[in-house]
């Protein structure tokens, strides 16, 4: 069960860790990493940080190894920016949700036919333009009668 307290802690951890990865981490293995969400244990002693890595499987594996080796550094950053009784132990997990959604969209693009505009809509547009041209004479006021 997720309480409001753990949700707020998860959001704060996500912000601090993502900014530390972006600005402070100098590991060349860690590139194109996005922190998607964080799960915090009810006792606030552990946090699972779900990350998405853009690139092939090798790049994802290397980035995850880099993050795991930098976990102590990131925990120290977290401890200095968030005041809690215990600093959560960070565990990094690869989030495949983004990758799977992109793959699903590609599959759907291949399977579903491309949508073309219906022919009725095109003929309706031509009818509207024809009405506009013919109705202008009747709508103008007669200057001589004014």
C-alpha atoms as a PDB file:
ATOM      1  CA  UNK A   1       0.000   0.000   0.000  1.00  0.00           C
ATOM      2  CA  UNK A   2       1.420   3.341  -1.054  1.00  0.00           C
ATOM      3  CA  UNK A   3       0.875   6.196   1.350  1.00  0.00           C
ATOM      4  CA  UNK A   4       1.094   9.860   0.601  1.00  0.00           C
ATOM      5  CA  UNK A   5       4.331  10.043   2.566  1.00  0.00           C
ATOM      6  CA  UNK A   6       6.040   7.367   0.481  1.00  0.00           C
ATOM      7  CA  UNK A   7       4.733   8.938  -2.729  1.00  0.00           C
ATOM      8  CA  UNK A   8       6.217  12.315  -1.783  1.00  0.00           C
ATOM      9  CA  UNK A   9       9.505  10.657  -0.828  1.00  0.00           C
ATOM     10  CA  UNK A  10       9.558   8.759  -4.138  1.00  0.00           C
ATOM     11  CA  UNK A  11       9.004  11.988  -6.077  1.00  0.00           C
ATOM     12  CA  UNK A  12      11.759  13.777  -4.153  1.00  0.00           C
ATOM     13  CA  UNK A  13      14.172  10.871  -4.674  1.00  0.00           C
ATOM     14  CA  UNK A  14      13.356  10.813  -8.379  1.00  0.00           C
ATOM     15  CA  UNK A  15      14.099  14.520  -8.749  1.00  0.00           C
ATOM     16  CA  UNK A  16      17.365  14.427  -6.788  1.00  0.00           C
ATOM     17  CA  UNK A  17      18.695  11.269  -8.442  1.00  0.00           C
ATOM     18  CA  UNK A  18      17.778  12.370 -11.973  1.00  0.00           C
ATOM     19  CA  UNK A  19      19.435  15.763 -11.499  1.00  0.00           C
ATOM     20  CA  UNK A  20      22.524  14.149  -9.959  1.00  0.00           C
ATOM     21  CA  UNK A  21      22.802  11.725 -12.887  1.00  0.00           C
ATOM     22  CA  UNK A  22      22.455  14.591 -15.336  1.00  0.00           C
ATOM     23  CA  UNK A  23      24.720  17.143 -13.677  1.00  0.00           C
ATOM     24  CA  UNK A  24      27.121  15.438 -11.257  1.00  0.00           C
ATOM     25  CA  UNK A  25      27.801  11.930 -12.565  1.00  0.00           C
ATOM     26  CA  UNK A  26      30.915  11.732 -14.767  1.00  0.00           C
ATOM     27  CA  UNK A  27      30.815   8.019 -15.597  1.00  0.00           C
ATOM     28  CA  UNK A  28      31.117   7.615 -19.395  1.00  0.00           C
ATOM     29  CA  UNK A  29      28.983   4.456 -19.246  1.00  0.00           C
ATOM     30  CA  UNK A  30      25.965   6.411 -18.020  1.00  0.00           C
ATOM     31  CA  UNK A  31      24.482   8.174 -21.049  1.00  0.00           C
ATOM     32  CA  UNK A  32      20.932   8.812 -22.271  1.00  0.00           C
ATOM     33  CA  UNK A  33      19.443   7.714 -18.932  1.00  0.00           C
ATOM     34  CA  UNK A  34      15.985   8.836 -17.822  1.00  0.00           C
ATOM     35  CA  UNK A  35      14.607   8.128 -14.361  1.00  0.00           C
ATOM     36  CA  UNK A  36      11.029   7.040 -15.037  1.00  0.00           C
ATOM     37  CA  UNK A  37       9.772   6.417 -11.517  1.00  0.00           C
ATOM     38  CA  UNK A  38      10.854   5.371  -8.013  1.00  0.00           C
ATOM     39  CA  UNK A  39       9.345   2.805  -5.666  1.00  0.00           C
ATOM     40  CA  UNK A  40      10.010   3.391  -1.964  1.00  0.00           C
ATOM     41  CA  UNK A  41       9.663   0.693   0.700  1.00  0.00           C
ATOM     42  CA  UNK A  42       7.184   1.507   3.487  1.00  0.00           C
ATOM     43  CA  UNK A  43      10.016   1.806   6.046  1.00  0.00           C
ATOM     44  CA  UNK A  44      11.815   4.236   3.658  1.00  0.00           C
ATOM     45  CA  UNK A  45      15.074   2.262   3.864  1.00  0.00           C
ATOM     46  CA  UNK A  46      15.122   1.056   0.264  1.00  0.00           C
ATOM     47  CA  UNK A  47      14.220   2.672  -3.035  1.00  0.00           C
ATOM     48  CA  UNK A  48      13.972   1.028  -6.442  1.00  0.00           C
ATOM     49  CA  UNK A  49      14.906   3.531  -9.113  1.00  0.00           C
ATOM     50  CA  UNK A  50      13.450   2.556 -12.499  1.00  0.00           C
ATOM     51  CA  UNK A  51      15.483   3.940 -15.383  1.00  0.00           C
ATOM     52  CA  UNK A  52      15.025   3.951 -19.126  1.00  0.00           C
ATOM     53  CA  UNK A  53      18.139   3.916 -21.304  1.00  0.00           C
ATOM     54  CA  UNK A  54      17.991   4.892 -24.951  1.00  0.00           C
ATOM     55  CA  UNK A  55      20.099   2.659 -27.145  1.00  0.00           C
ATOM     56  CA  UNK A  56      20.809  -0.985 -27.796  1.00  0.00           C
ATOM     57  CA  UNK A  57      20.959  -3.744 -25.194  1.00  0.00           C
ATOM     58  CA  UNK A  58      24.720  -3.402 -24.660  1.00  0.00           C
ATOM     59  CA  UNK A  59      24.420   0.317 -23.966  1.00  0.00           C
ATOM     60  CA  UNK A  60      21.547  -0.353 -21.546  1.00  0.00           C
ATOM     61  CA  UNK A  61      23.573  -2.997 -19.688  1.00  0.00           C
ATOM     62  CA  UNK A  62      26.636  -0.713 -19.452  1.00  0.00           C
ATOM     63  CA  UNK A  63      24.547   2.221 -18.195  1.00  0.00           C
ATOM     64  CA  UNK A  64      22.936   0.020 -15.559  1.00  0.00           C
ATOM     65  CA  UNK A  65      26.369  -1.195 -14.394  1.00  0.00           C
ATOM     66  CA  UNK A  66      27.559   2.409 -14.195  1.00  0.00           C
ATOM     67  CA  UNK A  67      24.530   3.415 -12.146  1.00  0.00           C
ATOM     68  CA  UNK A  68      24.976   0.474  -9.785  1.00  0.00           C
ATOM     69  CA  UNK A  69      28.628   1.356  -9.227  1.00  0.00           C
ATOM     70  CA  UNK A  70      27.673   5.003  -8.595  1.00  0.00           C
ATOM     71  CA  UNK A  71      24.881   4.094  -6.148  1.00  0.00           C
ATOM     72  CA  UNK A  72      26.934   5.153  -3.107  1.00  0.00           C
ATOM     73  CA  UNK A  73      27.741   8.530  -4.660  1.00  0.00           C
ATOM     74  CA  UNK A  74      24.072   9.073  -5.542  1.00  0.00           C
ATOM     75  CA  UNK A  75      22.992   8.049  -2.030  1.00  0.00           C
ATOM     76  CA  UNK A  76      25.395  10.635  -0.596  1.00  0.00           C
ATOM     77  CA  UNK A  77      23.846  13.294  -2.865  1.00  0.00           C
ATOM     78  CA  UNK A  78      20.413  12.162  -1.718  1.00  0.00           C
ATOM     79  CA  UNK A  79      21.423  12.344   1.960  1.00  0.00           C
ATOM     80  CA  UNK A  80      22.713  15.901   1.555  1.00  0.00           C
ATOM     81  CA  UNK A  81      19.547  17.156  -0.144  1.00  0.00           C
ATOM     82  CA  UNK A  82      16.740  15.270   1.626  1.00  0.00           C
ATOM     83  CA  UNK A  83      16.376  15.142   5.400  1.00  0.00           C
ATOM     84  CA  UNK A  84      15.142  11.745   6.494  1.00  0.00           C
ATOM     85  CA  UNK A  85      16.035   9.485   9.392  1.00  0.00           C
ATOM     86  CA  UNK A  86      17.453   6.881   7.029  1.00  0.00           C
ATOM     87  CA  UNK A  87      18.914   7.453   3.603  1.00  0.00           C
ATOM     88  CA  UNK A  88      17.293   4.900   1.324  1.00  0.00           C
ATOM     89  CA  UNK A  89      19.542   2.286  -0.277  1.00  0.00           C
ATOM     90  CA  UNK A  90      19.222   2.792  -4.026  1.00  0.00           C
ATOM     91  CA  UNK A  91      18.643  -0.142  -6.345  1.00  0.00           C
ATOM     92  CA  UNK A  92      18.589   0.520 -10.072  1.00  0.00           C
ATOM     93  CA  UNK A  93      16.234  -1.434 -12.321  1.00  0.00           C
ATOM     94  CA  UNK A  94      15.899  -1.181 -16.091  1.00  0.00           C
ATOM     95  CA  UNK A  95      12.422   0.005 -17.102  1.00  0.00           C
ATOM     96  CA  UNK A  96      11.411  -1.572 -20.400  1.00  0.00           C
ATOM     97  CA  UNK A  97       8.007   0.130 -20.602  1.00  0.00           C
ATOM     98  CA  UNK A  98       9.134   2.885 -22.971  1.00  0.00           C
ATOM     99  CA  UNK A  99      10.957   0.420 -25.222  1.00  0.00           C
ATOM    100  CA  UNK A 100       7.954  -1.901 -25.344  1.00  0.00           C
ATOM    101  CA  UNK A 101       5.570   0.954 -26.181  1.00  0.00           C
ATOM    102  CA  UNK A 102       7.805   2.064 -29.068  1.00  0.00           C
ATOM    103  CA  UNK A 103       7.973  -1.513 -30.362  1.00  0.00           C
ATOM    104  CA  UNK A 104       4.178  -1.800 -30.103  1.00  0.00           C
ATOM    105  CA  UNK A 105       3.696   1.429 -32.068  1.00  0.00           C
ATOM    106  CA  UNK A 106       6.032   0.151 -34.792  1.00  0.00           C
ATOM    107  CA  UNK A 107       4.123  -3.131 -34.999  1.00  0.00           C
ATOM    108  CA  UNK A 108       0.812  -1.274 -35.255  1.00  0.00           C
ATOM    109  CA  UNK A 109       2.187   0.954 -38.011  1.00  0.00           C
ATOM    110  CA  UNK A 110       3.197  -2.117 -40.005  1.00  0.00           C
ATOM    111  CA  UNK A 111      -0.073  -3.999 -39.447  1.00  0.00           C
ATOM    112  CA  UNK A 112      -2.675  -1.257 -39.765  1.00  0.00           C
ATOM    113  CA  UNK A 113      -3.218   0.362 -43.160  1.00  0.00           C
ATOM    114  CA  UNK A 114      -2.448   4.024 -43.558  1.00  0.00           C
ATOM    115  CA  UNK A 115      -5.516   6.220 -43.146  1.00  0.00           C
ATOM    116  CA  UNK A 116      -6.568   8.248 -46.172  1.00  0.00           C
ATOM    117  CA  UNK A 117      -9.143  11.059 -46.000  1.00  0.00           C
ATOM    118  CA  UNK A 118     -12.660   9.914 -46.917  1.00  0.00           C
ATOM    119  CA  UNK A 119     -13.890  10.929 -50.367  1.00  0.00           C
ATOM    120  CA  UNK A 120     -17.079  12.430 -48.911  1.00  0.00           C
ATOM    121  CA  UNK A 121     -15.061  15.027 -46.964  1.00  0.00           C
ATOM    122  CA  UNK A 122     -13.255  16.162 -50.124  1.00  0.00           C
ATOM    123  CA  UNK A 123     -16.496  16.568 -52.066  1.00  0.00           C
ATOM    124  CA  UNK A 124     -18.066  18.481 -49.140  1.00  0.00           C
ATOM    125  CA  UNK A 125     -15.140  20.943 -49.202  1.00  0.00           C
ATOM    126  CA  UNK A 126     -15.711  21.610 -52.900  1.00  0.00           C
ATOM    127  CA  UNK A 127     -19.433  22.196 -52.264  1.00  0.00           C
ATOM    128  CA  UNK A 128     -18.648  24.737 -49.525  1.00  0.00           C
ATOM    129  CA  UNK A 129     -16.303  26.693 -51.800  1.00  0.00           C
ATOM    130  CA  UNK A 130     -18.886  26.705 -54.583  1.00  0.00           C
ATOM    131  CA  UNK A 131     -21.540  28.091 -52.186  1.00  0.00           C
ATOM    132  CA  UNK A 132     -19.188  30.871 -51.070  1.00  0.00           C
ATOM    133  CA  UNK A 133     -18.587  32.050 -54.632  1.00  0.00           C
ATOM    134  CA  UNK A 134     -22.228  32.145 -55.615  1.00  0.00           C
ATOM    135  CA  UNK A 135     -23.585  33.717 -52.416  1.00  0.00           C
ATOM    136  CA  UNK A 136     -21.372  36.831 -52.380  1.00  0.00           C
ATOM    137  CA  UNK A 137     -23.502  38.863 -54.840  1.00  0.00           C
ATOM    138  CA  UNK A 138     -26.687  38.494 -52.815  1.00  0.00           C
ATOM    139  CA  UNK A 139     -25.013  39.397 -49.517  1.00  0.00           C
ATOM    140  CA  UNK A 140     -23.575  42.765 -50.683  1.00  0.00           C
ATOM    141  CA  UNK A 141     -25.748  45.828 -49.983  1.00  0.00           C
ATOM    142  CA  UNK A 142     -26.856  47.912 -52.943  1.00  0.00           C
ATOM    143  CA  UNK A 143     -24.976  51.268 -52.877  1.00  0.00           C
ATOM    144  CA  UNK A 144     -27.463  53.168 -55.040  1.00  0.00           C
ATOM    145  CA  UNK A 145     -30.402  52.580 -52.683  1.00  0.00           C
ATOM    146  CA  UNK A 146     -28.441  53.926 -49.615  1.00  0.00           C
END
